[in-house]
């Protein structure tokens, strides 16, 4: 991956930050995108220290329609190349459907799914002309199996999985690879800044979760091995296996777990921090 140009959205924290460092250590050329300029600049400085051959960044709020395509155009202007597109930006809503307004869902859809679609649509002509490229979508295990109080988030992640599967079929033999990463619960600030409805719902986690560095390493491996889908946690793999055997039982288990570990707290909404 030395000198490969990698565009990463949502690069200022969490999984995106860890992915930036993983590719920097392999001498990649990075184009980093996020909404928070102060955090993004810190990541850029660390990437330069870790061996990135070149680093550029661009501040974008992907909640605005059309910004997904603009970040790709910006990368091609600044770096004059694009080899790997990592659509990682996103945030979550923890609320029942009755408290998830259409406006909340619309913004979530734009950030988590539509901006990724815009980026891919813009990048594909360049990839196909060069007959090379790799698209990575950061989905979730909830993109394969929904859970109570995460319907809006799960819907966006299911859509990413469907997009990735369809693209993989369309692009076979073109030189362009597609990977969908489905992490389980990852220990990042993502869970601290979830948006809520009228009643704040906190899920009490019975386990620690994986590190963002593990997810980043899986992405690097997926590029090397050209993997189509990646599942990281043992619990996630077990859930998908059970779902193939008996969808009814796996759905009941997810419903039970989602309700069992729910903890209702104050009625204040938490801020969204993409």
C-alpha atoms as a PDB file:
ATOM      1  CA  UNK A   1       0.000   0.000   0.000  1.00  0.00           C
ATOM      2  CA  UNK A   2       2.998   2.301  -0.207  1.00  0.00           C
ATOM      3  CA  UNK A   3       2.137   5.485  -2.147  1.00  0.00           C
ATOM      4  CA  UNK A   4      -1.462   4.339  -2.577  1.00  0.00           C
ATOM      5  CA  UNK A   5      -3.910   7.266  -2.334  1.00  0.00           C
ATOM      6  CA  UNK A   6      -6.538   6.588   0.340  1.00  0.00           C
ATOM      7  CA  UNK A   7      -9.595   8.784   0.981  1.00  0.00           C
ATOM      8  CA  UNK A   8     -11.130   8.293   4.455  1.00  0.00           C
ATOM      9  CA  UNK A   9     -14.329  10.000   5.600  1.00  0.00           C
ATOM     10  CA  UNK A  10     -15.085  10.381   9.302  1.00  0.00           C
ATOM     11  CA  UNK A  11     -11.342  10.445   9.951  1.00  0.00           C
ATOM     12  CA  UNK A  12     -11.230  12.677  13.035  1.00  0.00           C
ATOM     13  CA  UNK A  13     -12.045  10.020  15.653  1.00  0.00           C
ATOM     14  CA  UNK A  14     -12.882   6.395  16.367  1.00  0.00           C
ATOM     15  CA  UNK A  15     -12.543   3.843  13.602  1.00  0.00           C
ATOM     16  CA  UNK A  16     -11.709   6.474  10.973  1.00  0.00           C
ATOM     17  CA  UNK A  17      -8.813   7.816  13.016  1.00  0.00           C
ATOM     18  CA  UNK A  18      -7.433   4.323  13.606  1.00  0.00           C
ATOM     19  CA  UNK A  19      -7.734   3.511   9.896  1.00  0.00           C
ATOM     20  CA  UNK A  20      -5.822   6.686   9.007  1.00  0.00           C
ATOM     21  CA  UNK A  21      -2.952   5.648  11.276  1.00  0.00           C
ATOM     22  CA  UNK A  22      -2.941   2.087   9.910  1.00  0.00           C
ATOM     23  CA  UNK A  23      -2.532   3.272   6.330  1.00  0.00           C
ATOM     24  CA  UNK A  24      -0.078   6.005   7.323  1.00  0.00           C
ATOM     25  CA  UNK A  25       2.223   3.384   8.814  1.00  0.00           C
ATOM     26  CA  UNK A  26       2.270   1.675   5.417  1.00  0.00           C
ATOM     27  CA  UNK A  27       3.388   4.822   3.605  1.00  0.00           C
ATOM     28  CA  UNK A  28       0.063   5.600   1.957  1.00  0.00           C
ATOM     29  CA  UNK A  29      -0.927   9.024   0.634  1.00  0.00           C
ATOM     30  CA  UNK A  30      -3.942  10.132   2.684  1.00  0.00           C
ATOM     31  CA  UNK A  31      -6.845  12.461   2.014  1.00  0.00           C
ATOM     32  CA  UNK A  32      -8.751  12.783   5.283  1.00  0.00           C
ATOM     33  CA  UNK A  33     -12.275  14.146   5.625  1.00  0.00           C
ATOM     34  CA  UNK A  34     -14.263  15.067   8.743  1.00  0.00           C
ATOM     35  CA  UNK A  35     -16.468  17.795  10.175  1.00  0.00           C
ATOM     36  CA  UNK A  36     -14.256  18.871  13.095  1.00  0.00           C
ATOM     37  CA  UNK A  37     -11.214  20.762  11.834  1.00  0.00           C
ATOM     38  CA  UNK A  38      -9.354  20.834  15.169  1.00  0.00           C
ATOM     39  CA  UNK A  39      -9.541  17.078  15.638  1.00  0.00           C
ATOM     40  CA  UNK A  40      -8.758  16.465  11.979  1.00  0.00           C
ATOM     41  CA  UNK A  41      -5.588  18.562  12.110  1.00  0.00           C
ATOM     42  CA  UNK A  42      -4.355  16.525  15.085  1.00  0.00           C
ATOM     43  CA  UNK A  43      -4.891  13.301  13.140  1.00  0.00           C
ATOM     44  CA  UNK A  44      -3.018  14.763  10.148  1.00  0.00           C
ATOM     45  CA  UNK A  45      -0.015  15.616  12.335  1.00  0.00           C
ATOM     46  CA  UNK A  46       0.060  12.116  13.813  1.00  0.00           C
ATOM     47  CA  UNK A  47      -0.201  10.522  10.351  1.00  0.00           C
ATOM     48  CA  UNK A  48       2.789  12.543   9.168  1.00  0.00           C
ATOM     49  CA  UNK A  49       4.801  11.329  12.148  1.00  0.00           C
ATOM     50  CA  UNK A  50       3.790   7.725  11.472  1.00  0.00           C
ATOM     51  CA  UNK A  51       5.160   7.652   7.954  1.00  0.00           C
ATOM     52  CA  UNK A  52       2.418   8.754   5.557  1.00  0.00           C
ATOM     53  CA  UNK A  53       4.047   9.768   2.287  1.00  0.00           C
ATOM     54  CA  UNK A  54       1.596  12.673   1.920  1.00  0.00           C
ATOM     55  CA  UNK A  55      -1.409  13.947   3.858  1.00  0.00           C
ATOM     56  CA  UNK A  56      -4.124  16.390   2.863  1.00  0.00           C
ATOM     57  CA  UNK A  57      -7.401  17.080   4.603  1.00  0.00           C
ATOM     58  CA  UNK A  58     -10.738  18.686   3.875  1.00  0.00           C
ATOM     59  CA  UNK A  59     -13.435  19.793   6.329  1.00  0.00           C
ATOM     60  CA  UNK A  60     -16.918  18.733   5.216  1.00  0.00           C
ATOM     61  CA  UNK A  61     -20.267  18.194   6.889  1.00  0.00           C
ATOM     62  CA  UNK A  62     -21.610  15.147   5.094  1.00  0.00           C
ATOM     63  CA  UNK A  63     -25.098  15.909   6.398  1.00  0.00           C
ATOM     64  CA  UNK A  64     -25.344  18.360   3.493  1.00  0.00           C
ATOM     65  CA  UNK A  65     -26.520  16.753   0.230  1.00  0.00           C
ATOM     66  CA  UNK A  66     -23.822  16.578  -2.418  1.00  0.00           C
ATOM     67  CA  UNK A  67     -20.854  16.740  -0.045  1.00  0.00           C
ATOM     68  CA  UNK A  68     -20.039  13.067  -0.630  1.00  0.00           C
ATOM     69  CA  UNK A  69     -19.265  13.753  -4.267  1.00  0.00           C
ATOM     70  CA  UNK A  70     -17.381  16.929  -3.445  1.00  0.00           C
ATOM     71  CA  UNK A  71     -14.886  15.127  -1.196  1.00  0.00           C
ATOM     72  CA  UNK A  72     -13.943  12.823  -4.081  1.00  0.00           C
ATOM     73  CA  UNK A  73     -13.517  15.762  -6.445  1.00  0.00           C
ATOM     74  CA  UNK A  74     -11.401  17.458  -3.783  1.00  0.00           C
ATOM     75  CA  UNK A  75      -9.188  14.399  -3.445  1.00  0.00           C
ATOM     76  CA  UNK A  76      -8.617  14.200  -7.197  1.00  0.00           C
ATOM     77  CA  UNK A  77      -7.747  17.915  -7.272  1.00  0.00           C
ATOM     78  CA  UNK A  78      -5.391  17.800  -4.288  1.00  0.00           C
ATOM     79  CA  UNK A  79      -3.790  14.384  -4.748  1.00  0.00           C
ATOM     80  CA  UNK A  80      -4.287  13.896  -8.491  1.00  0.00           C
ATOM     81  CA  UNK A  81      -5.196  10.277  -7.774  1.00  0.00           C
ATOM     82  CA  UNK A  82      -7.498   7.974  -5.823  1.00  0.00           C
ATOM     83  CA  UNK A  83      -6.854   4.306  -5.133  1.00  0.00           C
ATOM     84  CA  UNK A  84      -8.921   3.382  -2.070  1.00  0.00           C
ATOM     85  CA  UNK A  85     -12.207   5.019  -1.042  1.00  0.00           C
ATOM     86  CA  UNK A  86     -13.197   4.321   2.582  1.00  0.00           C
ATOM     87  CA  UNK A  87     -16.755   5.458   3.344  1.00  0.00           C
ATOM     88  CA  UNK A  88     -16.606   5.514   7.115  1.00  0.00           C
ATOM     89  CA  UNK A  89     -18.473   8.654   8.257  1.00  0.00           C
ATOM     90  CA  UNK A  90     -21.526   8.057  10.376  1.00  0.00           C
ATOM     91  CA  UNK A  91     -23.343   8.400  13.671  1.00  0.00           C
ATOM     92  CA  UNK A  92     -26.160   6.619  15.480  1.00  0.00           C
ATOM     93  CA  UNK A  93     -29.628   7.131  16.910  1.00  0.00           C
ATOM     94  CA  UNK A  94     -30.706   5.160  19.999  1.00  0.00           C
ATOM     95  CA  UNK A  95     -34.469   5.559  20.162  1.00  0.00           C
ATOM     96  CA  UNK A  96     -37.727   3.731  19.444  1.00  0.00           C
ATOM     97  CA  UNK A  97     -39.268   4.429  16.047  1.00  0.00           C
ATOM     98  CA  UNK A  98     -42.072   6.394  17.728  1.00  0.00           C
ATOM     99  CA  UNK A  99     -39.470   8.908  18.945  1.00  0.00           C
ATOM    100  CA  UNK A 100     -37.324   8.969  15.794  1.00  0.00           C
ATOM    101  CA  UNK A 101     -38.752  11.789  13.716  1.00  0.00           C
ATOM    102  CA  UNK A 102     -38.625  11.774   9.907  1.00  0.00           C
ATOM    103  CA  UNK A 103     -36.236  14.747  10.143  1.00  0.00           C
ATOM    104  CA  UNK A 104     -33.867  12.761  12.382  1.00  0.00           C
ATOM    105  CA  UNK A 105     -34.055   9.813   9.987  1.00  0.00           C
ATOM    106  CA  UNK A 106     -33.415  12.033   6.962  1.00  0.00           C
ATOM    107  CA  UNK A 107     -30.214  13.471   8.433  1.00  0.00           C
ATOM    108  CA  UNK A 108     -29.001  10.046   9.545  1.00  0.00           C
ATOM    109  CA  UNK A 109     -29.682   8.641   6.078  1.00  0.00           C
ATOM    110  CA  UNK A 110     -27.737  11.448   4.428  1.00  0.00           C
ATOM    111  CA  UNK A 111     -24.657  11.010   6.625  1.00  0.00           C
ATOM    112  CA  UNK A 112     -24.546   7.231   6.912  1.00  0.00           C
ATOM    113  CA  UNK A 113     -25.742   6.127   3.472  1.00  0.00           C
ATOM    114  CA  UNK A 114     -26.393   8.881   0.940  1.00  0.00           C
ATOM    115  CA  UNK A 115     -23.023  10.605   1.338  1.00  0.00           C
ATOM    116  CA  UNK A 116     -21.301   7.253   0.779  1.00  0.00           C
ATOM    117  CA  UNK A 117     -23.393   6.663  -2.325  1.00  0.00           C
ATOM    118  CA  UNK A 118     -22.478  10.140  -3.594  1.00  0.00           C
ATOM    119  CA  UNK A 119     -18.767   9.444  -3.064  1.00  0.00           C
ATOM    120  CA  UNK A 120     -18.929   6.069  -4.785  1.00  0.00           C
ATOM    121  CA  UNK A 121     -20.918   7.470  -7.722  1.00  0.00           C
ATOM    122  CA  UNK A 122     -18.301  10.188  -8.188  1.00  0.00           C
ATOM    123  CA  UNK A 123     -15.305   7.859  -7.823  1.00  0.00           C
ATOM    124  CA  UNK A 124     -16.456   4.996 -10.035  1.00  0.00           C
ATOM    125  CA  UNK A 125     -15.792   6.601 -13.448  1.00  0.00           C
ATOM    126  CA  UNK A 126     -12.205   7.297 -12.365  1.00  0.00           C
ATOM    127  CA  UNK A 127     -11.741   3.773 -10.991  1.00  0.00           C
ATOM    128  CA  UNK A 128     -13.228   2.149 -14.089  1.00  0.00           C
ATOM    129  CA  UNK A 129     -11.098   4.235 -16.420  1.00  0.00           C
ATOM    130  CA  UNK A 130      -7.957   3.221 -14.510  1.00  0.00           C
ATOM    131  CA  UNK A 131      -9.248  -0.367 -14.129  1.00  0.00           C
ATOM    132  CA  UNK A 132      -8.211  -0.317 -10.488  1.00  0.00           C
ATOM    133  CA  UNK A 133      -9.586   0.846  -7.163  1.00  0.00           C
ATOM    134  CA  UNK A 134     -11.053  -0.400  -3.915  1.00  0.00           C
ATOM    135  CA  UNK A 135     -14.284   0.735  -2.221  1.00  0.00           C
ATOM    136  CA  UNK A 136     -14.754   0.020   1.494  1.00  0.00           C
ATOM    137  CA  UNK A 137     -18.034   0.596   3.330  1.00  0.00           C
ATOM    138  CA  UNK A 138     -17.975   0.656   7.133  1.00  0.00           C
ATOM    139  CA  UNK A 139     -21.282  -0.968   7.967  1.00  0.00           C
ATOM    140  CA  UNK A 140     -22.109  -2.853  11.185  1.00  0.00           C
ATOM    141  CA  UNK A 141     -23.289  -6.217  12.434  1.00  0.00           C
ATOM    142  CA  UNK A 142     -26.598  -4.323  12.799  1.00  0.00           C
ATOM    143  CA  UNK A 143     -26.529  -4.106   9.014  1.00  0.00           C
ATOM    144  CA  UNK A 144     -27.164  -7.863   9.017  1.00  0.00           C
ATOM    145  CA  UNK A 145     -29.486  -8.165  12.025  1.00  0.00           C
ATOM    146  CA  UNK A 146     -31.538  -5.382  13.593  1.00  0.00           C
ATOM    147  CA  UNK A 147     -32.000  -4.763  17.296  1.00  0.00           C
ATOM    148  CA  UNK A 148     -34.630  -2.852  19.305  1.00  0.00           C
ATOM    149  CA  UNK A 149     -34.188   0.923  19.618  1.00  0.00           C
ATOM    150  CA  UNK A 150     -31.696   1.031  16.716  1.00  0.00           C
ATOM    151  CA  UNK A 151     -34.108   0.748  13.794  1.00  0.00           C
ATOM    152  CA  UNK A 152     -33.017   3.969  12.068  1.00  0.00           C
ATOM    153  CA  UNK A 153     -29.314   3.193  12.394  1.00  0.00           C
ATOM    154  CA  UNK A 154     -29.792  -0.442  11.354  1.00  0.00           C
ATOM    155  CA  UNK A 155     -31.725   0.658   8.259  1.00  0.00           C
ATOM    156  CA  UNK A 156     -28.794   2.768   7.049  1.00  0.00           C
ATOM    157  CA  UNK A 157     -26.374  -0.090   7.695  1.00  0.00           C
ATOM    158  CA  UNK A 158     -28.595  -2.653   5.943  1.00  0.00           C
ATOM    159  CA  UNK A 159     -28.606  -0.269   2.975  1.00  0.00           C
ATOM    160  CA  UNK A 160     -24.802  -0.151   2.970  1.00  0.00           C
ATOM    161  CA  UNK A 161     -24.638  -3.944   2.932  1.00  0.00           C
ATOM    162  CA  UNK A 162     -27.080  -4.086   0.020  1.00  0.00           C
ATOM    163  CA  UNK A 163     -25.120  -1.455  -1.873  1.00  0.00           C
ATOM    164  CA  UNK A 164     -21.857  -3.294  -1.306  1.00  0.00           C
ATOM    165  CA  UNK A 165     -23.246  -6.657  -2.392  1.00  0.00           C
ATOM    166  CA  UNK A 166     -24.769  -5.180  -5.550  1.00  0.00           C
ATOM    167  CA  UNK A 167     -21.615  -3.265  -6.437  1.00  0.00           C
ATOM    168  CA  UNK A 168     -19.465  -6.339  -5.956  1.00  0.00           C
ATOM    169  CA  UNK A 169     -21.546  -8.157  -8.560  1.00  0.00           C
ATOM    170  CA  UNK A 170     -21.561  -5.220 -10.979  1.00  0.00           C
ATOM    171  CA  UNK A 171     -17.823  -4.634 -10.781  1.00  0.00           C
ATOM    172  CA  UNK A 172     -16.502  -8.192 -11.017  1.00  0.00           C
ATOM    173  CA  UNK A 173     -13.732  -8.342 -13.591  1.00  0.00           C
ATOM    174  CA  UNK A 174     -13.437  -4.543 -13.781  1.00  0.00           C
ATOM    175  CA  UNK A 175     -10.354  -4.257 -11.551  1.00  0.00           C
ATOM    176  CA  UNK A 176     -12.407  -2.461  -8.886  1.00  0.00           C
ATOM    177  CA  UNK A 177     -12.875  -4.292  -5.587  1.00  0.00           C
ATOM    178  CA  UNK A 178     -15.606  -3.791  -2.973  1.00  0.00           C
ATOM    179  CA  UNK A 179     -15.487  -4.636   0.733  1.00  0.00           C
ATOM    180  CA  UNK A 180     -18.165  -4.283   3.403  1.00  0.00           C
ATOM    181  CA  UNK A 181     -16.816  -4.227   6.971  1.00  0.00           C
ATOM    182  CA  UNK A 182     -19.326  -5.225   9.668  1.00  0.00           C
ATOM    183  CA  UNK A 183     -17.830  -4.488  13.104  1.00  0.00           C
ATOM    184  CA  UNK A 184     -19.585  -5.459  16.292  1.00  0.00           C
ATOM    185  CA  UNK A 185     -19.618  -3.191  19.343  1.00  0.00           C
ATOM    186  CA  UNK A 186     -16.434  -1.094  19.130  1.00  0.00           C
ATOM    187  CA  UNK A 187     -15.006   0.853  22.063  1.00  0.00           C
ATOM    188  CA  UNK A 188     -15.085   4.426  20.709  1.00  0.00           C
ATOM    189  CA  UNK A 189     -16.800   7.706  21.567  1.00  0.00           C
ATOM    190  CA  UNK A 190     -19.498   6.813  19.015  1.00  0.00           C
ATOM    191  CA  UNK A 191     -21.652   5.404  21.810  1.00  0.00           C
ATOM    192  CA  UNK A 192     -21.241   8.471  24.008  1.00  0.00           C
ATOM    193  CA  UNK A 193     -22.640  10.873  21.418  1.00  0.00           C
ATOM    194  CA  UNK A 194     -25.652   8.935  20.169  1.00  0.00           C
ATOM    195  CA  UNK A 195     -28.713  10.993  19.331  1.00  0.00           C
ATOM    196  CA  UNK A 196     -31.859  10.155  21.290  1.00  0.00           C
ATOM    197  CA  UNK A 197     -35.590  10.786  21.163  1.00  0.00           C
ATOM    198  CA  UNK A 198     -37.713  12.294  23.900  1.00  0.00           C
ATOM    199  CA  UNK A 199     -36.502   9.641  26.335  1.00  0.00           C
ATOM    200  CA  UNK A 200     -32.809   8.966  26.525  1.00  0.00           C
ATOM    201  CA  UNK A 201     -32.138   5.228  26.192  1.00  0.00           C
ATOM    202  CA  UNK A 202     -28.835   3.808  27.289  1.00  0.00           C
ATOM    203  CA  UNK A 203     -27.859   0.248  26.466  1.00  0.00           C
ATOM    204  CA  UNK A 204     -25.904  -1.395  29.272  1.00  0.00           C
ATOM    205  CA  UNK A 205     -23.168  -3.345  27.509  1.00  0.00           C
ATOM    206  CA  UNK A 206     -22.428  -6.759  29.023  1.00  0.00           C
ATOM    207  CA  UNK A 207     -19.042  -6.881  27.290  1.00  0.00           C
ATOM    208  CA  UNK A 208     -16.063  -4.608  26.639  1.00  0.00           C
ATOM    209  CA  UNK A 209     -16.078  -4.501  22.850  1.00  0.00           C
ATOM    210  CA  UNK A 210     -13.293  -4.546  20.289  1.00  0.00           C
ATOM    211  CA  UNK A 211     -10.768  -1.793  19.691  1.00  0.00           C
ATOM    212  CA  UNK A 212     -10.876   0.525  16.661  1.00  0.00           C
ATOM    213  CA  UNK A 213      -7.315  -0.598  15.908  1.00  0.00           C
ATOM    214  CA  UNK A 214      -8.630  -4.132  15.349  1.00  0.00           C
ATOM    215  CA  UNK A 215     -11.167  -2.820  12.835  1.00  0.00           C
ATOM    216  CA  UNK A 216      -8.433  -0.808  11.097  1.00  0.00           C
ATOM    217  CA  UNK A 217      -6.204  -3.874  10.826  1.00  0.00           C
ATOM    218  CA  UNK A 218      -9.124  -5.789   9.308  1.00  0.00           C
ATOM    219  CA  UNK A 219      -9.549  -3.088   6.674  1.00  0.00           C
ATOM    220  CA  UNK A 220      -5.899  -3.256   5.696  1.00  0.00           C
ATOM    221  CA  UNK A 221      -6.159  -7.037   5.472  1.00  0.00           C
ATOM    222  CA  UNK A 222      -9.324  -6.740   3.377  1.00  0.00           C
ATOM    223  CA  UNK A 223      -7.466  -4.593   0.839  1.00  0.00           C
ATOM    224  CA  UNK A 224      -4.568  -7.031   0.663  1.00  0.00           C
ATOM    225  CA  UNK A 225      -6.803 -10.089   0.330  1.00  0.00           C
ATOM    226  CA  UNK A 226      -9.588  -8.373  -1.656  1.00  0.00           C
ATOM    227  CA  UNK A 227     -12.241  -9.618   0.735  1.00  0.00           C
ATOM    228  CA  UNK A 228     -15.915  -8.999  -0.010  1.00  0.00           C
ATOM    229  CA  UNK A 229     -17.306  -9.015   3.555  1.00  0.00           C
ATOM    230  CA  UNK A 230     -15.583  -8.937   6.939  1.00  0.00           C
ATOM    231  CA  UNK A 231     -17.109  -9.835  10.325  1.00  0.00           C
ATOM    232  CA  UNK A 232     -14.922  -9.191  13.323  1.00  0.00           C
ATOM    233  CA  UNK A 233     -16.493 -10.416  16.553  1.00  0.00           C
ATOM    234  CA  UNK A 234     -17.155 -13.997  17.593  1.00  0.00           C
ATOM    235  CA  UNK A 235     -20.596 -13.006  18.877  1.00  0.00           C
ATOM    236  CA  UNK A 236     -21.405 -11.403  15.535  1.00  0.00           C
ATOM    237  CA  UNK A 237     -20.310 -14.454  13.582  1.00  0.00           C
ATOM    238  CA  UNK A 238     -22.318 -16.710  15.923  1.00  0.00           C
ATOM    239  CA  UNK A 239     -25.391 -14.516  15.467  1.00  0.00           C
ATOM    240  CA  UNK A 240     -25.171 -14.684  11.673  1.00  0.00           C
ATOM    241  CA  UNK A 241     -24.709 -18.456  11.772  1.00  0.00           C
ATOM    242  CA  UNK A 242     -27.762 -18.798  14.009  1.00  0.00           C
ATOM    243  CA  UNK A 243     -29.708 -16.496  11.691  1.00  0.00           C
ATOM    244  CA  UNK A 244     -29.031 -18.832   8.786  1.00  0.00           C
ATOM    245  CA  UNK A 245     -30.218 -21.803  10.812  1.00  0.00           C
ATOM    246  CA  UNK A 246     -33.261 -20.145  12.385  1.00  0.00           C
ATOM    247  CA  UNK A 247     -34.072 -16.484  11.654  1.00  0.00           C
ATOM    248  CA  UNK A 248     -36.956 -16.673  14.113  1.00  0.00           C
ATOM    249  CA  UNK A 249     -34.739 -17.670  17.039  1.00  0.00           C
ATOM    250  CA  UNK A 250     -32.031 -15.097  16.223  1.00  0.00           C
ATOM    251  CA  UNK A 251     -34.669 -12.343  15.989  1.00  0.00           C
ATOM    252  CA  UNK A 252     -36.104 -13.317  19.377  1.00  0.00           C
ATOM    253  CA  UNK A 253     -32.621 -13.301  20.913  1.00  0.00           C
ATOM    254  CA  UNK A 254     -31.838  -9.831  19.551  1.00  0.00           C
ATOM    255  CA  UNK A 255     -35.185  -8.544  20.814  1.00  0.00           C
ATOM    256  CA  UNK A 256     -34.549 -10.017  24.263  1.00  0.00           C
ATOM    257  CA  UNK A 257     -30.994  -8.693  24.530  1.00  0.00           C
ATOM    258  CA  UNK A 258     -31.951  -5.252  23.255  1.00  0.00           C
ATOM    259  CA  UNK A 259     -34.719  -4.906  25.837  1.00  0.00           C
ATOM    260  CA  UNK A 260     -32.918  -6.618  28.718  1.00  0.00           C
ATOM    261  CA  UNK A 261     -29.940  -4.263  28.680  1.00  0.00           C
ATOM    262  CA  UNK A 262     -31.962  -1.117  28.095  1.00  0.00           C
ATOM    263  CA  UNK A 263     -31.675   1.558  30.751  1.00  0.00           C
ATOM    264  CA  UNK A 264     -33.969   4.574  30.623  1.00  0.00           C
ATOM    265  CA  UNK A 265     -32.407   7.742  31.962  1.00  0.00           C
ATOM    266  CA  UNK A 266     -33.147  11.447  31.598  1.00  0.00           C
ATOM    267  CA  UNK A 267     -35.359  12.916  28.878  1.00  0.00           C
ATOM    268  CA  UNK A 268     -32.611  15.190  27.499  1.00  0.00           C
ATOM    269  CA  UNK A 269     -31.295  14.576  24.002  1.00  0.00           C
ATOM    270  CA  UNK A 270     -27.589  14.060  23.532  1.00  0.00           C
ATOM    271  CA  UNK A 271     -25.737  16.073  20.889  1.00  0.00           C
ATOM    272  CA  UNK A 272     -24.932  14.539  17.558  1.00  0.00           C
ATOM    273  CA  UNK A 273     -21.208  14.417  16.889  1.00  0.00           C
ATOM    274  CA  UNK A 274     -20.331  12.866  13.554  1.00  0.00           C
END
